[in-house]
């Protein structure tokens, strides 16, 4: 299994506590998901979230998120390959 540290495009806003951010990103099937992430995995200037890429397909990447999204019970999601930096 491939495991590489990459960044994925997202929307970033201030979180509920110091050093925390609210993050929204889009899955490969177009769903919006949101989560809270610590400042060490968020690039606020460029709107990016650090993730681990586990698998690549021609159009998508299976990534492991730094925390569990509110909409799912899994930290594993598929994102568009175009959103991975």
C-alpha atoms as a PDB file:
ATOM      1  CA  UNK A   1       0.000   0.000   0.000  1.00  0.00           C
ATOM      2  CA  UNK A   2       1.290   3.408  -1.003  1.00  0.00           C
ATOM      3  CA  UNK A   3       1.507   5.963   1.809  1.00  0.00           C
ATOM      4  CA  UNK A   4       2.671   9.444   0.937  1.00  0.00           C
ATOM      5  CA  UNK A   5       2.266  12.739   2.721  1.00  0.00           C
ATOM      6  CA  UNK A   6       0.389  15.159   0.426  1.00  0.00           C
ATOM      7  CA  UNK A   7      -1.925  18.168   0.549  1.00  0.00           C
ATOM      8  CA  UNK A   8      -5.529  18.359  -0.641  1.00  0.00           C
ATOM      9  CA  UNK A   9      -7.499  21.481  -1.619  1.00  0.00           C
ATOM     10  CA  UNK A  10     -10.004  22.629   0.987  1.00  0.00           C
ATOM     11  CA  UNK A  11     -11.810  25.591   2.507  1.00  0.00           C
ATOM     12  CA  UNK A  12     -10.393  26.713   5.849  1.00  0.00           C
ATOM     13  CA  UNK A  13     -12.063  28.717   8.635  1.00  0.00           C
ATOM     14  CA  UNK A  14     -11.294  29.386  12.279  1.00  0.00           C
ATOM     15  CA  UNK A  15     -12.127  26.455  14.548  1.00  0.00           C
ATOM     16  CA  UNK A  16     -13.684  26.348  17.991  1.00  0.00           C
ATOM     17  CA  UNK A  17     -10.431  26.385  19.982  1.00  0.00           C
ATOM     18  CA  UNK A  18      -6.995  27.949  19.650  1.00  0.00           C
ATOM     19  CA  UNK A  19      -4.810  26.106  17.130  1.00  0.00           C
ATOM     20  CA  UNK A  20      -7.774  24.414  15.485  1.00  0.00           C
ATOM     21  CA  UNK A  21      -9.396  25.014  12.087  1.00  0.00           C
ATOM     22  CA  UNK A  22     -12.672  24.073  10.486  1.00  0.00           C
ATOM     23  CA  UNK A  23     -12.004  22.391   7.140  1.00  0.00           C
ATOM     24  CA  UNK A  24     -14.352  21.567   4.259  1.00  0.00           C
ATOM     25  CA  UNK A  25     -13.380  19.409   1.314  1.00  0.00           C
ATOM     26  CA  UNK A  26     -15.058  17.626  -1.569  1.00  0.00           C
ATOM     27  CA  UNK A  27     -15.037  13.887  -2.164  1.00  0.00           C
ATOM     28  CA  UNK A  28     -14.538  12.431  -5.641  1.00  0.00           C
ATOM     29  CA  UNK A  29     -18.312  11.916  -5.944  1.00  0.00           C
ATOM     30  CA  UNK A  30     -18.983  15.603  -5.154  1.00  0.00           C
ATOM     31  CA  UNK A  31     -20.071  15.363  -1.512  1.00  0.00           C
ATOM     32  CA  UNK A  32     -18.924  18.116   0.860  1.00  0.00           C
ATOM     33  CA  UNK A  33     -17.443  16.890   4.125  1.00  0.00           C
ATOM     34  CA  UNK A  34     -16.173  18.870   7.096  1.00  0.00           C
ATOM     35  CA  UNK A  35     -13.893  18.283  10.045  1.00  0.00           C
ATOM     36  CA  UNK A  36     -11.785  20.037  12.650  1.00  0.00           C
ATOM     37  CA  UNK A  37      -8.013  19.863  12.166  1.00  0.00           C
ATOM     38  CA  UNK A  38      -5.042  21.064  14.172  1.00  0.00           C
ATOM     39  CA  UNK A  39      -2.970  23.925  12.793  1.00  0.00           C
ATOM     40  CA  UNK A  40       0.037  21.682  12.035  1.00  0.00           C
ATOM     41  CA  UNK A  41      -1.908  19.930   9.230  1.00  0.00           C
ATOM     42  CA  UNK A  42      -3.550  23.018   7.703  1.00  0.00           C
ATOM     43  CA  UNK A  43      -2.068  25.510   5.254  1.00  0.00           C
ATOM     44  CA  UNK A  44      -4.408  28.478   5.775  1.00  0.00           C
ATOM     45  CA  UNK A  45      -2.717  30.682   3.190  1.00  0.00           C
ATOM     46  CA  UNK A  46      -3.208  28.218   0.319  1.00  0.00           C
ATOM     47  CA  UNK A  47      -6.348  26.393   1.513  1.00  0.00           C
ATOM     48  CA  UNK A  48      -4.739  22.976   1.932  1.00  0.00           C
ATOM     49  CA  UNK A  49      -5.065  20.046   4.342  1.00  0.00           C
ATOM     50  CA  UNK A  50      -2.254  17.527   4.901  1.00  0.00           C
ATOM     51  CA  UNK A  51      -3.373  13.933   4.250  1.00  0.00           C
ATOM     52  CA  UNK A  52      -1.803  10.530   3.680  1.00  0.00           C
ATOM     53  CA  UNK A  53      -2.407   9.197   0.163  1.00  0.00           C
ATOM     54  CA  UNK A  54      -2.909   5.435   0.389  1.00  0.00           C
ATOM     55  CA  UNK A  55      -3.923   4.487  -3.159  1.00  0.00           C
ATOM     56  CA  UNK A  56      -4.019   6.119  -6.580  1.00  0.00           C
ATOM     57  CA  UNK A  57      -6.385   5.400  -9.453  1.00  0.00           C
ATOM     58  CA  UNK A  58      -6.427   7.259 -12.760  1.00  0.00           C
ATOM     59  CA  UNK A  59      -8.992   9.803 -11.467  1.00  0.00           C
ATOM     60  CA  UNK A  60      -8.938   9.645  -7.672  1.00  0.00           C
ATOM     61  CA  UNK A  61      -6.858   9.094  -4.562  1.00  0.00           C
ATOM     62  CA  UNK A  62      -7.802   7.237  -1.407  1.00  0.00           C
ATOM     63  CA  UNK A  63      -6.639   9.463   1.442  1.00  0.00           C
ATOM     64  CA  UNK A  64      -6.465   9.148   5.217  1.00  0.00           C
ATOM     65  CA  UNK A  65      -7.655  12.324   6.932  1.00  0.00           C
ATOM     66  CA  UNK A  66      -6.113  13.787  10.107  1.00  0.00           C
ATOM     67  CA  UNK A  67      -9.491  13.529  11.909  1.00  0.00           C
ATOM     68  CA  UNK A  68     -12.940  12.013  11.408  1.00  0.00           C
ATOM     69  CA  UNK A  69     -15.369  14.080   9.287  1.00  0.00           C
ATOM     70  CA  UNK A  70     -18.768  14.912  10.770  1.00  0.00           C
ATOM     71  CA  UNK A  71     -20.624  13.332   7.828  1.00  0.00           C
ATOM     72  CA  UNK A  72     -18.940   9.916   7.964  1.00  0.00           C
ATOM     73  CA  UNK A  73     -17.499   7.589  10.558  1.00  0.00           C
ATOM     74  CA  UNK A  74     -14.333   6.979   8.557  1.00  0.00           C
ATOM     75  CA  UNK A  75     -11.094   8.890   8.065  1.00  0.00           C
ATOM     76  CA  UNK A  76     -10.692   7.167   4.658  1.00  0.00           C
ATOM     77  CA  UNK A  77     -12.179   9.073   1.701  1.00  0.00           C
ATOM     78  CA  UNK A  78     -11.688   9.277  -2.053  1.00  0.00           C
ATOM     79  CA  UNK A  79     -10.843  12.680  -3.503  1.00  0.00           C
ATOM     80  CA  UNK A  80     -10.279  13.846  -7.049  1.00  0.00           C
ATOM     81  CA  UNK A  81      -6.701  13.471  -8.163  1.00  0.00           C
ATOM     82  CA  UNK A  82      -6.857  17.119  -9.334  1.00  0.00           C
ATOM     83  CA  UNK A  83      -7.343  18.247  -5.706  1.00  0.00           C
ATOM     84  CA  UNK A  84      -4.181  16.511  -4.457  1.00  0.00           C
ATOM     85  CA  UNK A  85      -0.964  18.557  -4.411  1.00  0.00           C
END
